N, C-alpha and C. Protein backbone atom coordinates (compact mmCIF):
# COMPACT_ATOMS: atom_id res chain seq x y z
N MET A 1 112.04 -188.56 -105.94
CA MET A 1 111.54 -187.21 -105.68
C MET A 1 112.70 -186.37 -105.16
N ARG A 2 113.12 -185.41 -105.98
CA ARG A 2 114.24 -184.56 -105.57
C ARG A 2 113.82 -183.11 -105.42
N CYS A 3 112.52 -182.82 -105.42
CA CYS A 3 112.11 -181.42 -105.43
C CYS A 3 112.45 -180.69 -104.13
N ALA A 4 112.91 -181.41 -103.13
CA ALA A 4 113.36 -180.73 -101.92
C ALA A 4 114.79 -180.27 -102.07
N ASN A 5 115.31 -180.36 -103.28
CA ASN A 5 116.66 -179.92 -103.57
C ASN A 5 116.81 -178.45 -103.21
N PRO A 6 117.89 -178.09 -102.52
CA PRO A 6 118.10 -176.70 -102.11
C PRO A 6 118.22 -175.72 -103.27
N ALA A 7 118.42 -176.20 -104.50
CA ALA A 7 118.56 -175.29 -105.65
C ALA A 7 117.33 -174.41 -105.80
N LEU A 8 116.16 -174.96 -105.59
CA LEU A 8 114.92 -174.19 -105.70
C LEU A 8 114.95 -173.01 -104.73
N LEU A 9 115.36 -173.28 -103.52
CA LEU A 9 115.40 -172.23 -102.51
C LEU A 9 116.54 -171.25 -102.75
N ARG A 10 117.67 -171.72 -103.23
CA ARG A 10 118.79 -170.81 -103.52
C ARG A 10 118.39 -169.80 -104.60
N HIS A 11 117.64 -170.24 -105.57
CA HIS A 11 117.29 -169.37 -106.69
C HIS A 11 116.02 -168.55 -106.45
N LEU A 12 115.03 -169.16 -105.83
CA LEU A 12 113.73 -168.50 -105.70
C LEU A 12 113.39 -168.09 -104.28
N GLY A 13 114.15 -168.61 -103.32
CA GLY A 13 113.80 -168.38 -101.93
C GLY A 13 114.13 -166.99 -101.42
N THR A 14 113.51 -166.68 -100.32
CA THR A 14 113.74 -165.42 -99.60
C THR A 14 114.50 -165.74 -98.33
N LYS A 15 115.56 -164.98 -98.09
CA LYS A 15 116.34 -165.20 -96.86
C LYS A 15 115.59 -164.55 -95.70
N ASN A 16 115.39 -165.31 -94.64
CA ASN A 16 114.67 -164.83 -93.46
C ASN A 16 115.65 -164.37 -92.39
N SER A 17 115.15 -163.63 -91.40
CA SER A 17 116.01 -163.07 -90.36
C SER A 17 116.72 -164.15 -89.55
N ASP A 18 116.16 -165.36 -89.49
CA ASP A 18 116.80 -166.45 -88.75
C ASP A 18 117.81 -167.21 -89.58
N GLY A 19 118.04 -166.75 -90.82
CA GLY A 19 119.02 -167.39 -91.70
C GLY A 19 118.43 -168.47 -92.59
N SER A 20 117.18 -168.82 -92.38
CA SER A 20 116.55 -169.84 -93.22
C SER A 20 116.16 -169.23 -94.56
N LEU A 21 115.88 -170.11 -95.52
CA LEU A 21 115.38 -169.70 -96.82
C LEU A 21 113.97 -170.25 -96.96
N SER A 22 113.08 -169.47 -97.58
CA SER A 22 111.73 -169.98 -97.78
C SER A 22 111.20 -169.51 -99.13
N TYR A 23 110.31 -170.32 -99.66
CA TYR A 23 109.65 -170.01 -100.93
C TYR A 23 108.24 -170.56 -100.84
N THR A 24 107.27 -169.76 -101.23
CA THR A 24 105.88 -170.16 -101.19
C THR A 24 105.35 -170.24 -102.61
N SER A 25 104.86 -171.41 -102.98
CA SER A 25 104.24 -171.58 -104.30
C SER A 25 102.72 -171.64 -104.10
N LYS A 26 102.02 -171.85 -105.19
CA LYS A 26 100.56 -171.93 -105.12
C LYS A 26 100.11 -173.11 -104.25
N SER A 27 100.86 -174.20 -104.28
CA SER A 27 100.44 -175.41 -103.57
C SER A 27 101.26 -175.77 -102.34
N PHE A 28 102.50 -175.26 -102.27
CA PHE A 28 103.41 -175.71 -101.22
C PHE A 28 104.21 -174.57 -100.61
N ASP A 29 104.74 -174.85 -99.42
CA ASP A 29 105.68 -173.96 -98.76
C ASP A 29 106.99 -174.73 -98.63
N PHE A 30 108.07 -174.15 -99.15
CA PHE A 30 109.39 -174.77 -99.10
C PHE A 30 110.23 -174.00 -98.10
N GLN A 31 111.00 -174.71 -97.29
CA GLN A 31 111.87 -174.03 -96.33
C GLN A 31 113.16 -174.82 -96.16
N GLN A 32 114.26 -174.07 -96.03
CA GLN A 32 115.54 -174.68 -95.71
C GLN A 32 116.09 -174.00 -94.47
N GLN A 33 116.33 -174.80 -93.46
CA GLN A 33 116.93 -174.30 -92.22
C GLN A 33 118.19 -175.12 -92.02
N GLY A 34 119.35 -174.49 -92.17
CA GLY A 34 120.60 -175.24 -92.13
C GLY A 34 120.63 -176.21 -93.30
N GLY A 35 120.86 -177.47 -93.02
CA GLY A 35 120.90 -178.48 -94.07
C GLY A 35 119.58 -179.18 -94.29
N THR A 36 118.55 -178.79 -93.56
CA THR A 36 117.26 -179.46 -93.64
C THR A 36 116.31 -178.72 -94.57
N VAL A 37 115.81 -179.43 -95.59
CA VAL A 37 114.84 -178.86 -96.52
C VAL A 37 113.50 -179.54 -96.27
N THR A 38 112.46 -178.71 -96.11
CA THR A 38 111.12 -179.21 -95.81
C THR A 38 110.12 -178.65 -96.82
N VAL A 39 109.21 -179.51 -97.26
CA VAL A 39 108.11 -179.09 -98.14
C VAL A 39 106.82 -179.37 -97.39
N LYS A 40 106.02 -178.32 -97.23
CA LYS A 40 104.74 -178.46 -96.52
C LYS A 40 103.59 -178.11 -97.43
N ALA A 41 102.47 -178.79 -97.21
CA ALA A 41 101.23 -178.47 -97.91
C ALA A 41 100.68 -177.18 -97.28
N LYS A 42 99.74 -176.57 -97.97
CA LYS A 42 99.16 -175.33 -97.45
C LYS A 42 98.44 -175.53 -96.12
N ASN A 43 98.04 -176.78 -95.81
CA ASN A 43 97.38 -177.04 -94.53
C ASN A 43 98.40 -177.23 -93.40
N GLY A 44 99.69 -177.11 -93.73
CA GLY A 44 100.75 -177.21 -92.72
C GLY A 44 101.34 -178.61 -92.58
N ALA A 45 100.76 -179.60 -93.25
CA ALA A 45 101.28 -180.97 -93.15
C ALA A 45 102.62 -181.07 -93.87
N THR A 46 103.60 -181.68 -93.22
CA THR A 46 104.90 -181.90 -93.84
C THR A 46 104.78 -183.05 -94.83
N LEU A 47 105.11 -182.76 -96.09
CA LEU A 47 105.02 -183.75 -97.15
C LEU A 47 106.37 -184.40 -97.44
N LEU A 48 107.41 -183.60 -97.32
CA LEU A 48 108.74 -184.06 -97.69
C LEU A 48 109.75 -183.38 -96.79
N GLN A 49 110.65 -184.17 -96.23
CA GLN A 49 111.72 -183.58 -95.43
C GLN A 49 113.01 -184.29 -95.77
N ASP A 50 113.98 -183.51 -96.30
CA ASP A 50 115.28 -184.04 -96.71
C ASP A 50 115.14 -185.25 -97.62
N GLY A 51 114.18 -185.18 -98.53
CA GLY A 51 114.00 -186.24 -99.53
C GLY A 51 113.14 -187.38 -99.06
N ALA A 52 112.76 -187.41 -97.79
CA ALA A 52 111.90 -188.47 -97.27
C ALA A 52 110.44 -188.05 -97.41
N LEU A 53 109.70 -188.84 -98.16
CA LEU A 53 108.30 -188.55 -98.43
C LEU A 53 107.43 -189.03 -97.27
N SER A 54 106.51 -188.19 -96.85
CA SER A 54 105.58 -188.55 -95.78
C SER A 54 104.57 -189.58 -96.29
N THR A 55 104.09 -190.39 -95.39
CA THR A 55 103.04 -191.36 -95.75
C THR A 55 101.70 -190.68 -95.91
N GLU A 56 101.61 -189.42 -95.54
CA GLU A 56 100.36 -188.66 -95.62
C GLU A 56 100.13 -187.99 -96.97
N VAL A 57 101.06 -188.13 -97.89
CA VAL A 57 100.96 -187.45 -99.18
C VAL A 57 99.84 -188.08 -100.01
N SER A 58 98.92 -187.25 -100.47
CA SER A 58 97.82 -187.74 -101.31
C SER A 58 98.31 -187.89 -102.75
N PRO A 59 97.61 -188.66 -103.57
CA PRO A 59 97.98 -188.78 -104.98
C PRO A 59 98.01 -187.42 -105.70
N GLU A 60 97.08 -186.54 -105.34
CA GLU A 60 97.03 -185.21 -105.95
C GLU A 60 98.26 -184.39 -105.57
N GLN A 61 98.65 -184.46 -104.30
CA GLN A 61 99.84 -183.75 -103.84
C GLN A 61 101.09 -184.32 -104.51
N MET A 62 101.11 -185.62 -104.69
CA MET A 62 102.25 -186.27 -105.35
C MET A 62 102.37 -185.76 -106.78
N GLN A 63 101.25 -185.66 -107.48
CA GLN A 63 101.27 -185.14 -108.86
C GLN A 63 101.77 -183.70 -108.88
N ALA A 64 101.31 -182.90 -107.93
CA ALA A 64 101.73 -181.50 -107.87
C ALA A 64 103.23 -181.40 -107.55
N LEU A 65 103.72 -182.24 -106.65
CA LEU A 65 105.15 -182.25 -106.35
C LEU A 65 105.97 -182.66 -107.57
N ASP A 66 105.44 -183.62 -108.33
CA ASP A 66 106.13 -184.06 -109.54
C ASP A 66 106.27 -182.92 -110.55
N LYS A 67 105.34 -181.98 -110.55
CA LYS A 67 105.41 -180.84 -111.47
C LYS A 67 106.51 -179.86 -111.08
N VAL A 68 106.92 -179.90 -109.83
CA VAL A 68 107.99 -179.01 -109.35
C VAL A 68 109.35 -179.49 -109.86
N GLN A 69 109.49 -180.80 -110.05
CA GLN A 69 110.79 -181.39 -110.40
C GLN A 69 111.42 -180.78 -111.65
N PRO A 70 110.68 -180.59 -112.76
CA PRO A 70 111.31 -179.98 -113.94
C PRO A 70 111.86 -178.58 -113.67
N ILE A 71 111.22 -177.84 -112.80
CA ILE A 71 111.69 -176.50 -112.44
C ILE A 71 113.03 -176.63 -111.70
N VAL A 72 113.09 -177.56 -110.77
CA VAL A 72 114.33 -177.79 -110.02
C VAL A 72 115.44 -178.24 -110.97
N ASP A 73 115.09 -179.12 -111.92
CA ASP A 73 116.09 -179.59 -112.88
C ASP A 73 116.65 -178.42 -113.70
N LYS A 74 115.78 -177.51 -114.14
CA LYS A 74 116.24 -176.34 -114.91
C LYS A 74 117.13 -175.45 -114.06
N LEU A 75 116.75 -175.24 -112.81
CA LEU A 75 117.57 -174.42 -111.91
C LEU A 75 118.93 -175.07 -111.67
N ASN A 76 118.94 -176.38 -111.49
CA ASN A 76 120.21 -177.09 -111.30
C ASN A 76 121.09 -176.99 -112.54
N ALA A 77 120.48 -177.13 -113.72
CA ALA A 77 121.24 -177.03 -114.97
C ALA A 77 121.83 -175.62 -115.12
N ALA A 78 121.03 -174.61 -114.81
CA ALA A 78 121.50 -173.23 -114.90
C ALA A 78 122.64 -172.99 -113.91
N GLU A 79 122.52 -173.54 -112.72
CA GLU A 79 123.55 -173.38 -111.70
C GLU A 79 124.84 -174.07 -112.15
N GLN A 80 124.72 -175.28 -112.71
CA GLN A 80 125.90 -175.99 -113.20
C GLN A 80 126.57 -175.22 -114.34
N GLN A 81 125.76 -174.67 -115.25
CA GLN A 81 126.31 -173.91 -116.36
C GLN A 81 127.03 -172.66 -115.87
N GLU A 82 126.47 -172.02 -114.86
CA GLU A 82 127.08 -170.83 -114.27
C GLU A 82 128.44 -171.19 -113.67
N LYS A 83 128.52 -172.31 -112.96
CA LYS A 83 129.78 -172.75 -112.37
C LYS A 83 130.80 -173.07 -113.46
N LEU A 84 130.35 -173.72 -114.52
CA LEU A 84 131.23 -174.05 -115.64
C LEU A 84 131.78 -172.78 -116.28
N ASN A 85 130.91 -171.78 -116.47
CA ASN A 85 131.33 -170.51 -117.06
C ASN A 85 132.37 -169.82 -116.18
N GLU A 86 132.19 -169.89 -114.86
CA GLU A 86 133.15 -169.28 -113.94
C GLU A 86 134.51 -169.96 -114.06
N VAL A 87 134.51 -171.29 -114.12
CA VAL A 87 135.76 -172.04 -114.23
C VAL A 87 136.45 -171.71 -115.54
N GLU A 88 135.70 -171.66 -116.64
CA GLU A 88 136.28 -171.32 -117.94
C GLU A 88 136.84 -169.91 -117.93
N SER A 89 136.13 -168.99 -117.32
CA SER A 89 136.58 -167.60 -117.25
C SER A 89 137.87 -167.50 -116.44
N GLU A 90 137.93 -168.20 -115.31
CA GLU A 90 139.15 -168.20 -114.49
C GLU A 90 140.31 -168.80 -115.26
N SER A 91 140.03 -169.88 -115.98
CA SER A 91 141.06 -170.55 -116.76
C SER A 91 141.61 -169.61 -117.84
N GLN A 92 140.73 -168.89 -118.52
CA GLN A 92 141.16 -167.95 -119.56
C GLN A 92 141.97 -166.81 -118.96
N THR A 93 141.56 -166.33 -117.80
CA THR A 93 142.29 -165.25 -117.13
C THR A 93 143.69 -165.72 -116.75
N GLN A 94 143.80 -166.93 -116.24
CA GLN A 94 145.11 -167.47 -115.88
C GLN A 94 145.96 -167.68 -117.12
N SER A 95 145.36 -168.13 -118.21
CA SER A 95 146.10 -168.34 -119.46
C SER A 95 146.66 -167.04 -119.98
N ARG A 96 145.88 -165.99 -119.90
CA ARG A 96 146.35 -164.67 -120.35
C ARG A 96 147.51 -164.19 -119.50
N GLY A 97 147.44 -164.47 -118.21
CA GLY A 97 148.51 -164.06 -117.30
C GLY A 97 149.81 -164.78 -117.58
N ILE A 98 149.72 -166.03 -117.99
CA ILE A 98 150.91 -166.84 -118.28
C ILE A 98 151.54 -166.41 -119.60
N SER A 99 150.71 -166.05 -120.58
CA SER A 99 151.24 -165.73 -121.92
C SER A 99 151.86 -164.34 -121.99
N ARG A 100 151.71 -163.55 -120.98
CA ARG A 100 152.27 -162.18 -121.01
C ARG A 100 153.72 -162.17 -120.76
């Protein structure tokens, strides 16, 4: 279970006045405070914290969390592609500078 990955919050989260990031979905509340990422159910129960799954997670909640994973994977892929594009762009800019 990697859905507590900060990528979800970096892309979809809202920055709060205390510096934390938060995102509210239909089923869960996601929050990142410093390096700690927490996923809570709508009833306030902590389901996942820094990748550690709570023993209180119901099978239904587990299924719903599993549905979040493909979204996180897409966001991670997009983020990696963006970084790759930046590196390629910098490389091309440096190449042009050398050939002049």
